[in-house]
C-alpha atoms as a PDB file:
ATOM      1  CA  MET A   1      -2.729  49.830 -10.241  1.00  0.00           C
ATOM      2  CA  CYS A   2       1.124  49.967 -11.070  1.00  0.00           C
ATOM      3  CA  ILE A   3       2.172  48.434 -14.388  1.00  0.00           C
ATOM      4  CA  ASN A   4       5.307  46.504 -14.835  1.00  0.00           C
ATOM      5  CA  ARG A   5       7.499  47.622 -17.898  1.00  0.00           C
ATOM      6  CA  GLN A   6      10.923  46.780 -18.952  1.00  0.00           C
ATOM      7  CA  LEU A   7      12.960  49.919 -18.635  1.00  0.00           C
ATOM      8  CA  ILE A   8      15.777  49.271 -20.917  1.00  0.00           C
ATOM      9  CA  ALA A   9      15.479  47.097 -24.150  1.00  0.00           C
ATOM     10  CA  GLY A  10      18.412  44.722 -24.909  1.00  0.00           C
ATOM     11  CA  ALA A  11      19.126  46.779 -28.125  1.00  0.00           C
ATOM     12  CA  LEU A  12      19.948  49.801 -25.968  1.00  0.00           C
ATOM     13  CA  PHE A  13      23.526  48.775 -25.269  1.00  0.00           C
ATOM     14  CA  VAL A  14      24.207  48.073 -29.089  1.00  0.00           C
ATOM     15  CA  ALA A  15      22.557  51.373 -30.058  1.00  0.00           C
ATOM     16  CA  LEU A  16      24.691  53.333 -27.617  1.00  0.00           C
ATOM     17  CA  ALA A  17      27.928  51.701 -28.726  1.00  0.00           C
ATOM     18  CA  VAL A  18      27.010  52.639 -32.393  1.00  0.00           C
ATOM     19  CA  THR A  19      26.111  56.159 -31.490  1.00  0.00           C
ATOM     20  CA  ALA A  20      29.429  56.670 -29.786  1.00  0.00           C
ATOM     21  CA  ALA A  21      31.221  55.924 -33.017  1.00  0.00           C
ATOM     22  CA  PHE A  22      29.818  59.098 -34.723  1.00  0.00           C
ATOM     23  CA  SER A  23      31.343  62.620 -34.331  1.00  0.00           C
ATOM     24  CA  PHE A  24      29.868  65.014 -31.662  1.00  0.00           C
ATOM     25  CA  ALA A  25      28.380  67.231 -34.458  1.00  0.00           C
ATOM     26  CA  ALA A  26      26.533  64.167 -35.948  1.00  0.00           C
ATOM     27  CA  GLN A  27      25.266  62.996 -32.725  1.00  0.00           C
ATOM     28  CA  VAL A  28      23.650  66.393 -31.990  1.00  0.00           C
ATOM     29  CA  TRP A  29      22.518  67.799 -35.181  1.00  0.00           C
ATOM     30  CA  GLY A  30      23.043  65.059 -37.754  1.00  0.00           C
ATOM     31  CA  ALA A  31      25.608  64.857 -40.500  1.00  0.00           C
ATOM     32  CA  GLU A  32      25.657  68.168 -42.517  1.00  0.00           C
ATOM     33  CA  SER A  33      25.204  66.189 -45.854  1.00  0.00           C
ATOM     34  CA  LYS A  34      22.022  64.374 -44.555  1.00  0.00           C
ATOM     35  CA  PRO A  35      20.247  66.370 -41.971  1.00  0.00           C
ATOM     36  CA  GLN A  36      18.374  64.361 -39.234  1.00  0.00           C
ATOM     37  CA  GLU A  37      15.423  65.282 -37.238  1.00  0.00           C
ATOM     38  CA  SER A  38      16.141  68.377 -35.205  1.00  0.00           C
ATOM     39  CA  TYR A  39      15.508  67.180 -31.747  1.00  0.00           C
ATOM     40  CA  ILE A  40      18.546  66.318 -29.481  1.00  0.00           C
ATOM     41  CA  LYS A  41      19.754  62.738 -29.637  1.00  0.00           C
ATOM     42  CA  TYR A  42      22.823  62.964 -27.424  1.00  0.00           C
ATOM     43  CA  VAL A  43      23.794  64.632 -24.170  1.00  0.00           C
ATOM     44  CA  ASP A  44      26.961  64.394 -22.236  1.00  0.00           C
ATOM     45  CA  PHE A  45      26.597  66.241 -18.967  1.00  0.00           C
ATOM     46  CA  ASN A  46      29.972  66.883 -17.156  1.00  0.00           C
ATOM     47  CA  VAL A  47      29.108  69.988 -15.235  1.00  0.00           C
ATOM     48  CA  THR A  48      30.704  69.793 -11.844  1.00  0.00           C
ATOM     49  CA  ALA A  49      28.939  70.164  -8.500  1.00  0.00           C
ATOM     50  CA  GLN A  50      31.230  73.161  -7.718  1.00  0.00           C
ATOM     51  CA  ALA A  51      30.077  74.917 -11.115  1.00  0.00           C
ATOM     52  CA  LEU A  52      26.496  74.143 -10.309  1.00  0.00           C
ATOM     53  CA  SER A  53      26.818  75.644  -6.999  1.00  0.00           C
ATOM     54  CA  ASP A  54      28.489  78.804  -8.048  1.00  0.00           C
ATOM     55  CA  ALA A  55      25.990  79.299 -10.912  1.00  0.00           C
ATOM     56  CA  LEU A  56      23.163  78.992  -8.363  1.00  0.00           C
ATOM     57  CA  GLU A  57      24.860  81.520  -6.085  1.00  0.00           C
ATOM     58  CA  LEU A  58      24.980  84.088  -8.857  1.00  0.00           C
ATOM     59  CA  ASP A  59      21.564  83.328 -10.196  1.00  0.00           C
ATOM     60  CA  ILE A  60      19.917  83.949  -6.833  1.00  0.00           C
ATOM     61  CA  LYS A  61      21.881  87.114  -6.374  1.00  0.00           C
ATOM     62  CA  TYR A  62      20.866  88.618  -9.698  1.00  0.00           C
ATOM     63  CA  HIS A  63      17.741  86.864 -10.835  1.00  0.00           C
ATOM     64  CA  ASN A  64      15.720  90.120 -10.568  1.00  0.00           C
ATOM     65  CA  GLU A  65      18.021  91.774 -13.007  1.00  0.00           C
ATOM     66  CA  PRO A  66      16.752  91.917 -16.665  1.00  0.00           C
ATOM     67  CA  TRP A  67      20.224  91.208 -18.054  1.00  0.00           C
ATOM     68  CA  ALA A  68      20.989  88.163 -15.775  1.00  0.00           C
ATOM     69  CA  PRO A  69      21.471  85.046 -17.903  1.00  0.00           C
ATOM     70  CA  GLY A  70      19.823  82.438 -15.613  1.00  0.00           C
ATOM     71  CA  PHE A  71      21.139  79.374 -13.955  1.00  0.00           C
ATOM     72  CA  SER A  72      21.236  77.010 -16.782  1.00  0.00           C
ATOM     73  CA  ALA A  73      22.211  79.540 -19.522  1.00  0.00           C
ATOM     74  CA  SER A  74      25.321  80.650 -17.674  1.00  0.00           C
ATOM     75  CA  LEU A  75      26.587  77.102 -17.573  1.00  0.00           C
ATOM     76  CA  ALA A  76      25.470  76.544 -21.101  1.00  0.00           C
ATOM     77  CA  TYR A  77      27.683  79.417 -22.033  1.00  0.00           C
ATOM     78  CA  LEU A  78      30.816  77.821 -20.535  1.00  0.00           C
ATOM     79  CA  GLY A  79      29.694  74.459 -21.943  1.00  0.00           C
ATOM     80  CA  ALA A  80      29.724  75.954 -25.542  1.00  0.00           C
ATOM     81  CA  LYS A  81      33.127  77.495 -24.932  1.00  0.00           C
ATOM     82  CA  TRP A  82      34.885  74.415 -23.517  1.00  0.00           C
ATOM     83  CA  GLY A  83      32.989  71.662 -25.475  1.00  0.00           C
ATOM     84  CA  GLY A  84      31.338  70.509 -22.350  1.00  0.00           C
ATOM     85  CA  ASP A  85      34.625  69.938 -20.570  1.00  0.00           C
ATOM     86  CA  PHE A  86      34.437  71.333 -17.072  1.00  0.00           C
ATOM     87  CA  ARG A  87      37.693  70.056 -15.838  1.00  0.00           C
ATOM     88  CA  ARG A  88      38.975  73.531 -16.384  1.00  0.00           C
ATOM     89  CA  TYR A  89      36.290  75.294 -14.370  1.00  0.00           C
ATOM     90  CA  LYS A  90      37.112  78.101 -11.923  1.00  0.00           C
ATOM     91  CA  LYS A  91      34.388  80.519 -10.567  1.00  0.00           C
ATOM     92  CA  SER A  92      36.113  83.387 -12.121  1.00  0.00           C
ATOM     93  CA  ALA A  93      34.779  82.209 -15.546  1.00  0.00           C
ATOM     94  CA  LEU A  94      31.120  82.708 -14.337  1.00  0.00           C
ATOM     95  CA  VAL A  95      31.960  85.985 -12.573  1.00  0.00           C
ATOM     96  CA  GLU A  96      33.512  87.271 -15.748  1.00  0.00           C
ATOM     97  CA  LEU A  97      30.365  86.291 -17.715  1.00  0.00           C
ATOM     98  CA  TYR A  98      28.139  88.273 -15.159  1.00  0.00           C
ATOM     99  CA  GLU A  99      30.401  91.381 -15.290  1.00  0.00           C
ATOM    100  CA  LYS A 100      30.316  91.484 -19.001  1.00  0.00           C
ATOM    101  CA  LEU A 101      26.402  91.342 -18.915  1.00  0.00           C
ATOM    102  CA  LYS A 102      26.253  93.794 -16.262  1.00  0.00           C
ATOM    103  CA  SER A 103      28.335  96.271 -18.184  1.00  0.00           C
ATOM    104  CA  GLY A 104      25.838  96.124 -21.189  1.00  0.00           C
ATOM    105  CA  THR A 105      27.194  93.345 -23.430  1.00  0.00           C
ATOM    106  CA  THR A 106      24.262  91.062 -24.264  1.00  0.00           C
ATOM    107  CA  MET A 107      24.020  87.170 -24.211  1.00  0.00           C
ATOM    108  CA  GLU A 108      23.489  87.325 -28.018  1.00  0.00           C
ATOM    109  CA  GLU A 109      26.545  89.094 -28.600  1.00  0.00           C
ATOM    110  CA  LEU A 110      28.535  86.867 -26.349  1.00  0.00           C
ATOM    111  CA  THR A 111      27.333  83.592 -27.995  1.00  0.00           C
ATOM    112  CA  ALA A 112      27.400  84.913 -31.456  1.00  0.00           C
ATOM    113  CA  GLY A 113      30.470  82.952 -32.366  1.00  0.00           C
ATOM    114  CA  LEU A 114      29.774  79.927 -30.205  1.00  0.00           C
ATOM    115  CA  LYS A 115      28.327  77.462 -32.780  1.00  0.00           C
ATOM    116  CA  TYR A 116      27.023  74.943 -30.391  1.00  0.00           C
ATOM    117  CA  TYR A 117      25.548  77.362 -27.694  1.00  0.00           C
ATOM    118  CA  PRO A 118      22.072  76.549 -28.998  1.00  0.00           C
ATOM    119  CA  TYR A 119      22.581  72.962 -28.362  1.00  0.00           C
ATOM    120  CA  TYR A 120      24.096  73.335 -24.902  1.00  0.00           C
ATOM    121  CA  SER A 121      21.302  75.834 -24.037  1.00  0.00           C
ATOM    122  CA  LYS A 122      18.629  73.310 -24.807  1.00  0.00           C
ATOM    123  CA  ALA A 123      20.558  70.317 -23.390  1.00  0.00           C
ATOM    124  CA  TYR A 124      21.542  71.984 -20.004  1.00  0.00           C
ATOM    125  CA  GLY A 125      18.171  73.683 -19.937  1.00  0.00           C
ATOM    126  CA  ALA A 126      16.335  70.297 -20.065  1.00  0.00           C
ATOM    127  CA  ILE A 127      18.453  68.972 -17.254  1.00  0.00           C
ATOM    128  CA  LEU A 128      18.481  72.080 -14.855  1.00  0.00           C
ATOM    129  CA  ASP A 129      15.553  74.443 -15.497  1.00  0.00           C
ATOM    130  CA  GLY A 130      13.167  72.645 -13.274  1.00  0.00           C
ATOM    131  CA  MET A 131      15.623  72.617 -10.260  1.00  0.00           C
ATOM    132  CA  VAL A 132      15.793  76.362  -9.638  1.00  0.00           C
ATOM    133  CA  GLY A 133      13.045  79.119  -9.624  1.00  0.00           C
ATOM    134  CA  THR A 134      10.237  80.443  -7.770  1.00  0.00           C
ATOM    135  CA  TYR A 135       8.428  78.253  -5.147  1.00  0.00           C
ATOM    136  CA  HIS A 136       6.279  78.524  -1.995  1.00  0.00           C
ATOM    137  CA  VAL A 137       6.454  77.171   1.423  1.00  0.00           C
ATOM    138  CA  PRO A 138       3.993  77.566   4.382  1.00  0.00           C
ATOM    139  CA  LYS A 139       4.820  80.315   6.953  1.00  0.00           C
ATOM    140  CA  LYS A 140       3.192  80.376  10.365  1.00  0.00           C
ATOM    141  CA  ASN A 141       2.332  83.890  11.549  1.00  0.00           C
ATOM    142  CA  PRO A 142       2.546  85.093  15.175  1.00  0.00           C
ATOM    143  CA  ASP A 143      -1.303  84.930  15.511  1.00  0.00           C
ATOM    144  CA  GLY A 144      -1.186  81.343  14.333  1.00  0.00           C
ATOM    145  CA  THR A 145      -2.484  81.856  10.844  1.00  0.00           C
ATOM    146  CA  VAL A 146      -0.574  80.303   7.972  1.00  0.00           C
ATOM    147  CA  VAL A 147       0.310  82.082   4.714  1.00  0.00           C
ATOM    148  CA  MET A 148       2.323  80.873   1.664  1.00  0.00           C
ATOM    149  CA  GLU A 149       5.856  82.592   1.513  1.00  0.00           C
ATOM    150  CA  GLU A 150       7.275  83.056  -2.029  1.00  0.00           C
ATOM    151  CA  LYS A 151      10.988  82.176  -2.380  1.00  0.00           C
ATOM    152  CA  TYR A 152      13.504  81.944  -5.123  1.00  0.00           C
ATOM    153  CA  GLY A 153      16.246  79.334  -5.318  1.00  0.00           C
ATOM    154  CA  LEU A 154      17.122  75.651  -5.331  1.00  0.00           C
ATOM    155  CA  LYS A 155      13.752  73.839  -5.346  1.00  0.00           C
ATOM    156  CA  ALA A 156      15.225  70.267  -6.188  1.00  0.00           C
ATOM    157  CA  PHE A 157      16.342  67.952  -3.317  1.00  0.00           C
ATOM    158  CA  SER A 158      18.829  65.248  -2.652  1.00  0.00           C
ATOM    159  CA  PRO A 159      16.980  61.772  -3.159  1.00  0.00           C
ATOM    160  CA  ILE A 160      18.311  60.868   0.424  1.00  0.00           C
ATOM    161  CA  ALA A 161      16.468  62.577   3.381  1.00  0.00           C
ATOM    162  CA  ALA A 162      18.362  64.586   5.806  1.00  0.00           C
ATOM    163  CA  GLY A 163      20.065  62.867   8.599  1.00  0.00           C
ATOM    164  CA  TYR A 164      20.626  59.612   6.921  1.00  0.00           C
ATOM    165  CA  TYR A 165      24.158  58.625   6.065  1.00  0.00           C
ATOM    166  CA  TYR A 166      25.052  57.447   2.466  1.00  0.00           C
ATOM    167  CA  HIS A 167      28.150  56.898   0.304  1.00  0.00           C
ATOM    168  CA  HIS A 168      28.583  57.056  -3.434  1.00  0.00           C
ATOM    169  CA  TYR A 169      30.994  57.227  -6.346  1.00  0.00           C
ATOM    170  CA  ASP A 170      30.826  57.920 -10.183  1.00  0.00           C
ATOM    171  CA  ASP A 171      29.586  54.680 -11.368  1.00  0.00           C
ATOM    172  CA  PHE A 172      27.708  55.757 -14.490  1.00  0.00           C
ATOM    173  CA  GLY A 173      28.574  53.596 -17.498  1.00  0.00           C
ATOM    174  CA  ASP A 174      29.936  50.653 -15.414  1.00  0.00           C
ATOM    175  CA  SER A 175      29.027  47.158 -16.847  1.00  0.00           C
ATOM    176  CA  ARG A 176      26.093  45.141 -15.752  1.00  0.00           C
ATOM    177  CA  SER A 177      25.415  41.685 -16.551  1.00  0.00           C
ATOM    178  CA  TYR A 178      22.113  40.436 -15.207  1.00  0.00           C
ATOM    179  CA  GLY A 179      19.800  39.583 -18.045  1.00  0.00           C
ATOM    180  CA  TYR A 180      22.309  40.747 -20.722  1.00  0.00           C
ATOM    181  CA  ARG A 181      25.550  42.835 -20.856  1.00  0.00           C
ATOM    182  CA  ARG A 182      24.863  46.517 -20.591  1.00  0.00           C
ATOM    183  CA  GLN A 183      25.981  49.798 -19.220  1.00  0.00           C
ATOM    184  CA  HIS A 184      24.801  51.318 -15.961  1.00  0.00           C
ATOM    185  CA  LEU A 185      22.776  54.109 -16.899  1.00  0.00           C
ATOM    186  CA  GLY A 186      22.117  55.448 -13.465  1.00  0.00           C
ATOM    187  CA  HIS A 187      23.639  56.385 -10.132  1.00  0.00           C
ATOM    188  CA  ASP A 188      23.972  54.144  -7.112  1.00  0.00           C
ATOM    189  CA  ILE A 189      23.777  55.533  -3.642  1.00  0.00           C
ATOM    190  CA  MET A 190      24.609  53.121  -0.822  1.00  0.00           C
ATOM    191  CA  GLY A 191      22.584  53.380   2.388  1.00  0.00           C
ATOM    192  CA  SER A 192      20.771  51.648   5.035  1.00  0.00           C
ATOM    193  CA  ILE A 193      17.483  49.716   4.347  1.00  0.00           C
ATOM    194  CA  GLY A 194      14.369  51.897   5.174  1.00  0.00           C
ATOM    195  CA  THR A 195      16.167  55.162   4.533  1.00  0.00           C
ATOM    196  CA  PRO A 196      13.436  57.577   3.245  1.00  0.00           C
ATOM    197  CA  ILE A 197      13.669  58.305  -0.415  1.00  0.00           C
ATOM    198  CA  ILE A 198      12.889  61.745  -1.527  1.00  0.00           C
ATOM    199  CA  ALA A 199      11.230  63.127  -4.793  1.00  0.00           C
ATOM    200  CA  ILE A 200      14.111  65.287  -6.359  1.00  0.00           C
ATOM    201  CA  GLU A 201      11.749  67.355  -8.378  1.00  0.00           C
ATOM    202  CA  SER A 202       7.904  67.810  -8.500  1.00  0.00           C
ATOM    203  CA  GLY A 203       6.093  65.846 -11.124  1.00  0.00           C
ATOM    204  CA  TYR A 204       3.606  63.045 -11.624  1.00  0.00           C
ATOM    205  CA  VAL A 205       4.154  59.260 -11.076  1.00  0.00           C
ATOM    206  CA  GLU A 206       4.390  57.656 -14.622  1.00  0.00           C
ATOM    207  CA  ALA A 207       5.363  54.208 -13.477  1.00  0.00           C
ATOM    208  CA  CYS A 208       5.584  52.137 -10.211  1.00  0.00           C
ATOM    209  CA  GLY A 209       5.464  48.413  -9.473  1.00  0.00           C
ATOM    210  CA  TRP A 210       7.918  45.638 -10.050  1.00  0.00           C
ATOM    211  CA  ASN A 211      10.631  45.569 -12.639  1.00  0.00           C
ATOM    212  CA  MET A 212      12.872  42.565 -12.980  1.00  0.00           C
ATOM    213  CA  TYR A 213      15.998  44.690 -13.155  1.00  0.00           C
ATOM    214  CA  GLY A 214      15.003  47.452 -10.726  1.00  0.00           C
ATOM    215  CA  GLY A 215      12.812  45.532  -8.364  1.00  0.00           C
ATOM    216  CA  TRP A 216      10.218  47.845  -6.668  1.00  0.00           C
ATOM    217  CA  ARG A 217      10.709  51.204  -8.584  1.00  0.00           C
ATOM    218  CA  ILE A 218       9.148  54.485  -9.199  1.00  0.00           C
ATOM    219  CA  GLY A 219       9.178  56.667 -12.415  1.00  0.00           C
ATOM    220  CA  ILE A 220       8.299  60.423 -11.903  1.00  0.00           C
ATOM    221  CA  ARG A 221       7.952  62.695 -14.947  1.00  0.00           C
ATOM    222  CA  SER A 222       8.610  66.413 -14.705  1.00  0.00           C
ATOM    223  CA  PHE A 223       5.591  68.643 -15.530  1.00  0.00           C
ATOM    224  CA  ASP A 224       7.410  69.925 -18.630  1.00  0.00           C
ATOM    225  CA  GLY A 225       7.817  66.400 -19.825  1.00  0.00           C
ATOM    226  CA  LYS A 226      11.494  66.788 -20.319  1.00  0.00           C
ATOM    227  CA  ARG A 227      12.838  64.714 -17.345  1.00  0.00           C
ATOM    228  CA  TYR A 228      12.003  61.290 -16.163  1.00  0.00           C
ATOM    229  CA  TYR A 229      13.366  60.337 -12.620  1.00  0.00           C
ATOM    230  CA  TYR A 230      13.781  56.688 -11.954  1.00  0.00           C
ATOM    231  CA  TYR A 231      14.103  55.307  -8.429  1.00  0.00           C
ATOM    232  CA  ALA A 232      14.986  51.688  -8.028  1.00  0.00           C
ATOM    233  CA  HIS A 233      15.597  48.795  -5.685  1.00  0.00           C
ATOM    234  CA  LEU A 234      13.166  49.971  -3.053  1.00  0.00           C
ATOM    235  CA  ARG A 235      12.457  48.142   0.271  1.00  0.00           C
ATOM    236  CA  LYS A 236      10.960  44.619   0.211  1.00  0.00           C
ATOM    237  CA  ASN A 237       7.464  44.624   1.610  1.00  0.00           C
ATOM    238  CA  HIS A 238       7.377  48.408   2.180  1.00  0.00           C
ATOM    239  CA  PRO A 239       8.642  50.158  -0.917  1.00  0.00           C
ATOM    240  CA  TYR A 240       6.402  52.968  -1.088  1.00  0.00           C
ATOM    241  CA  ASN A 241       4.797  55.836   0.691  1.00  0.00           C
ATOM    242  CA  ASP A 242       1.297  56.255  -0.955  1.00  0.00           C
ATOM    243  CA  ILE A 243       2.411  55.972  -4.555  1.00  0.00           C
ATOM    244  CA  TYR A 244       0.311  55.308  -7.448  1.00  0.00           C
ATOM    245  CA  GLU A 245       0.454  56.035 -11.221  1.00  0.00           C
ATOM    246  CA  GLY A 246      -0.962  59.469 -11.833  1.00  0.00           C
ATOM    247  CA  LYS A 247      -0.226  60.869  -8.514  1.00  0.00           C
ATOM    248  CA  ILE A 248       1.176  64.405  -8.212  1.00  0.00           C
ATOM    249  CA  VAL A 249       4.188  64.519  -5.951  1.00  0.00           C
ATOM    250  CA  TYR A 250       6.113  67.610  -4.584  1.00  0.00           C
ATOM    251  CA  ALA A 251       9.839  68.016  -4.442  1.00  0.00           C
ATOM    252  CA  GLY A 252      11.048  67.095  -1.134  1.00  0.00           C
ATOM    253  CA  GLU A 253       8.221  64.644  -0.514  1.00  0.00           C
ATOM    254  CA  VAL A 254       9.018  61.176   0.752  1.00  0.00           C
ATOM    255  CA  ILE A 255       8.121  58.692  -1.887  1.00  0.00           C
ATOM    256  CA  GLY A 256       9.514  55.367  -0.720  1.00  0.00           C
ATOM    257  CA  TYR A 257      12.287  53.571   1.141  1.00  0.00           C
ATOM    258  CA  LEU A 258      15.827  52.336   0.192  1.00  0.00           C
ATOM    259  CA  GLY A 259      16.161  48.560  -0.158  1.00  0.00           C
ATOM    260  CA  MET A 260      17.707  45.876  -2.209  1.00  0.00           C
ATOM    261  CA  THR A 261      14.978  44.350  -4.462  1.00  0.00           C
ATOM    262  CA  GLY A 262      15.538  43.395  -8.116  1.00  0.00           C
ATOM    263  CA  TYR A 263      17.216  41.146 -10.268  1.00  0.00           C
ATOM    264  CA  SER A 264      14.387  38.755 -10.355  1.00  0.00           C
ATOM    265  CA  THR A 265      11.395  37.778 -12.442  1.00  0.00           C
ATOM    266  CA  ARG A 266       9.506  37.107  -9.157  1.00  0.00           C
ATOM    267  CA  GLU A 267       8.174  40.015  -7.288  1.00  0.00           C
ATOM    268  CA  ASN A 268       9.292  41.144  -3.815  1.00  0.00           C
ATOM    269  CA  VAL A 269      12.831  39.602  -3.994  1.00  0.00           C
ATOM    270  CA  ASN A 270      15.914  40.771  -2.480  1.00  0.00           C
ATOM    271  CA  ASN A 271      18.570  39.740  -5.214  1.00  0.00           C
ATOM    272  CA  ILE A 272      20.804  42.868  -4.865  1.00  0.00           C
ATOM    273  CA  SER A 273      23.801  42.241  -2.839  1.00  0.00           C
ATOM    274  CA  VAL A 274      24.240  45.681  -1.234  1.00  0.00           C
ATOM    275  CA  PRO A 275      21.438  47.964  -0.021  1.00  0.00           C
ATOM    276  CA  HIS A 276      21.312  51.164  -2.299  1.00  0.00           C
ATOM    277  CA  LEU A 277      19.158  53.342  -4.335  1.00  0.00           C
ATOM    278  CA  HIS A 278      19.564  53.429  -7.971  1.00  0.00           C
ATOM    279  CA  VAL A 279      18.637  56.913  -9.322  1.00  0.00           C
ATOM    280  CA  GLY A 280      18.455  57.708 -12.884  1.00  0.00           C
ATOM    281  CA  LEU A 281      17.763  60.820 -14.812  1.00  0.00           C
ATOM    282  CA  GLN A 282      16.421  60.309 -18.489  1.00  0.00           C
ATOM    283  CA  LEU A 283      15.979  63.326 -20.911  1.00  0.00           C
ATOM    284  CA  ILE A 284      13.077  63.255 -23.355  1.00  0.00           C
ATOM    285  CA  PHE A 285      13.209  65.729 -26.297  1.00  0.00           C
ATOM    286  CA  HIS A 286      10.932  63.407 -28.448  1.00  0.00           C
ATOM    287  CA  PRO A 287       8.267  60.812 -27.525  1.00  0.00           C
ATOM    288  CA  SER A 288      10.224  57.990 -29.327  1.00  0.00           C
ATOM    289  CA  GLN A 289      13.051  58.574 -26.717  1.00  0.00           C
ATOM    290  CA  LYS A 290      11.054  57.507 -23.757  1.00  0.00           C
ATOM    291  CA  ASP A 291      11.182  53.645 -24.357  1.00  0.00           C
ATOM    292  CA  GLY A 292      12.976  53.449 -27.584  1.00  0.00           C
ATOM    293  CA  TRP A 293      16.464  52.545 -28.737  1.00  0.00           C
ATOM    294  CA  ASN A 294      17.720  56.214 -28.569  1.00  0.00           C
ATOM    295  CA  GLN A 295      17.259  56.984 -24.751  1.00  0.00           C
ATOM    296  CA  ILE A 296      19.326  59.613 -23.227  1.00  0.00           C
ATOM    297  CA  TRP A 297      20.397  58.967 -19.603  1.00  0.00           C
ATOM    298  CA  ILE A 298      22.533  61.516 -17.605  1.00  0.00           C
ATOM    299  CA  ASP A 299      25.393  60.971 -15.186  1.00  0.00           C
ATOM    300  CA  MET A 300      23.927  62.000 -11.907  1.00  0.00           C
ATOM    301  CA  TYR A 301      27.123  61.857  -9.739  1.00  0.00           C
ATOM    302  CA  GLU A 302      27.789  65.468  -9.883  1.00  0.00           C
ATOM    303  CA  LEU A 303      24.186  66.559  -9.542  1.00  0.00           C
ATOM    304  CA  THR A 304      23.631  64.265  -6.516  1.00  0.00           C
ATOM    305  CA  LYS A 305      26.696  66.203  -4.811  1.00  0.00           C
ATOM    306  CA  PHE A 306      25.262  69.372  -5.839  1.00  0.00           C
ATOM    307  CA  LEU A 307      21.738  68.507  -4.409  1.00  0.00           C
ATOM    308  CA  ALA A 308      23.153  67.363  -1.076  1.00  0.00           C
ATOM    309  CA  LYS A 309      22.988  71.163  -0.036  1.00  0.00           C
ATOM    310  CA  ASN A 310      19.216  70.665  -0.048  1.00  0.00           C
ATOM    311  CA  ARG A 311      18.175  67.481   1.924  1.00  0.00           C
ATOM    312  CA  SER A 312      14.539  67.161   3.064  1.00  0.00           C
ATOM    313  CA  LYS A 313      14.080  66.861   6.733  1.00  0.00           C
ATOM    314  CA  VAL A 314      11.533  64.143   7.725  1.00  0.00           C
ATOM    315  CA  TYR A 315       9.638  62.820  10.678  1.00  0.00           C
ATOM    316  CA  TYR A 316       8.085  59.459  11.556  1.00  0.00           C
ATOM    317  CA  ASP A 317       4.291  59.116  12.066  1.00  0.00           C
ATOM    318  CA  LYS A 318       3.741  56.152  14.404  1.00  0.00           C
ATOM    319  CA  GLU A 319       0.089  55.893  13.452  1.00  0.00           C
ATOM    320  CA  ALA A 320       0.595  55.742   9.604  1.00  0.00           C
ATOM    321  CA  LYS A 321       3.971  54.060  10.004  1.00  0.00           C
ATOM    322  CA  GLU A 322       5.322  56.294   7.384  1.00  0.00           C
ATOM    323  CA  TYR A 323       7.922  59.173   7.015  1.00  0.00           C
ATOM    324  CA  TYR A 324       6.849  62.596   5.840  1.00  0.00           C
ATOM    325  CA  ALA A 325       8.647  65.733   4.967  1.00  0.00           C
ATOM    326  CA  GLU A 326       8.649  68.388   7.591  1.00  0.00           C
ATOM    327  CA  THR A 327       8.032  71.134   5.196  1.00  0.00           C
ATOM    328  CA  VAL A 328       6.427  70.752   1.739  1.00  0.00           C
ATOM    329  CA  ILE A 329       7.221  73.048  -0.940  1.00  0.00           C
ATOM    330  CA  TYR A 330       4.602  74.255  -3.520  1.00  0.00           C
ATOM    331  CA  ASP A 331       5.890  74.458  -7.148  1.00  0.00           C
ATOM    332  CA  PRO A 332       3.972  76.882  -9.400  1.00  0.00           C
ATOM    333  CA  ALA A 333       4.523  74.111 -12.176  1.00  0.00           C
ATOM    334  CA  VAL A 334       1.894  72.023 -10.562  1.00  0.00           C
ATOM    335  CA  ASN A 335      -0.742  74.606 -11.371  1.00  0.00           C
ATOM    336  CA  ASP A 336       0.711  75.413 -14.835  1.00  0.00           C
END
C-alpha cells in the first residue's frame, strides 16, 4: 500500500537560504577551522547537454581502453578546472583530456593540482554513474529463439515516452507559494494528459500515493542508493501502471501517466493549472539527507535535454488498457 509523506519540510527553504550564504569550500567540506562530517552537503550541477553528449560519445568509443577516464570522471575533471562553470565548454577540452591520457599521462597526474577534483568526482559520479554502462536487451535470432545481447552506452531514458510532444524551460529555483513560500526543486515538463511517463533509471519504488504538493506521485531509488527520482502531478483516476512500493522497475519502463493533480489535501484532485510532469532528482550521500533539512536537489533541465536522445518507444495494450515499453533493457545493477 502506498504511504503518503510530505516531500519537503517547511524548514527546507530557510535552510537553503542559510546554506547559500557560506563559501563554496565550506558548503562542500566544512570550514577548515572546524571540520564537518565528510559526506557532501551541497552540489550545483551545471554541466550542459552538449558536454554530456560529447562525454558520452568519447566514453563509448574508448570505454574498453584501460586508460579511459570514464563518463563522469571526464566531466569531473572539467568541473574541477572551471569551478563547475560549463559556460566556457567546448568539445576540444574533452578531446584534449583523452589525447593526454592516450599518450600516457595518468588521471592522477592531471588532477594532482586540482584541489576540488575529489569533490567533483564524487558529486558528478553520484549523478551520472547510473546512466551509462553495460546493459542487456533481448534479441530475436532467425530461428525464433531469443537471447540477451550485451551493449554499452546510455542506459537512462527521457521521462517522456517517444512520439509524445512536450516543451520545457529551466525553471529550477523558481518561487512556489502553495502551503508556504519555497523554491521549485525540480523540473516541469509540459505535455498532454495521459502521456506515458518513463522510468529514467532502473531502481525500486520507494514511495507512491498521494502528496498534497505533488498529487499522485512516484519516488524511485537507484540501486546504489545515491539517487531518488521523483515524478509528480500524475493523471487523475489513472496515475500509475502497476506501481507499488518495493517494486523493481527497469529504465525505459512505463510507470505512469502525465496529469495535473496536486495542491490539495484531498486525494485525486486536479488543482494544477497546466498539465505537466514535475520530475526531480535528489542526491543522497548520507541517510539524514533523504527527508531532512539538508536535502540536495539537482537542476534537471540540461539532463533532460541530454536524455531526449534516448526516448522509450511504447505501445498500447487494449486489454490491459495500459502502455508498455516496446523493448525492456535489463540492467546488471538489478542482480547486484
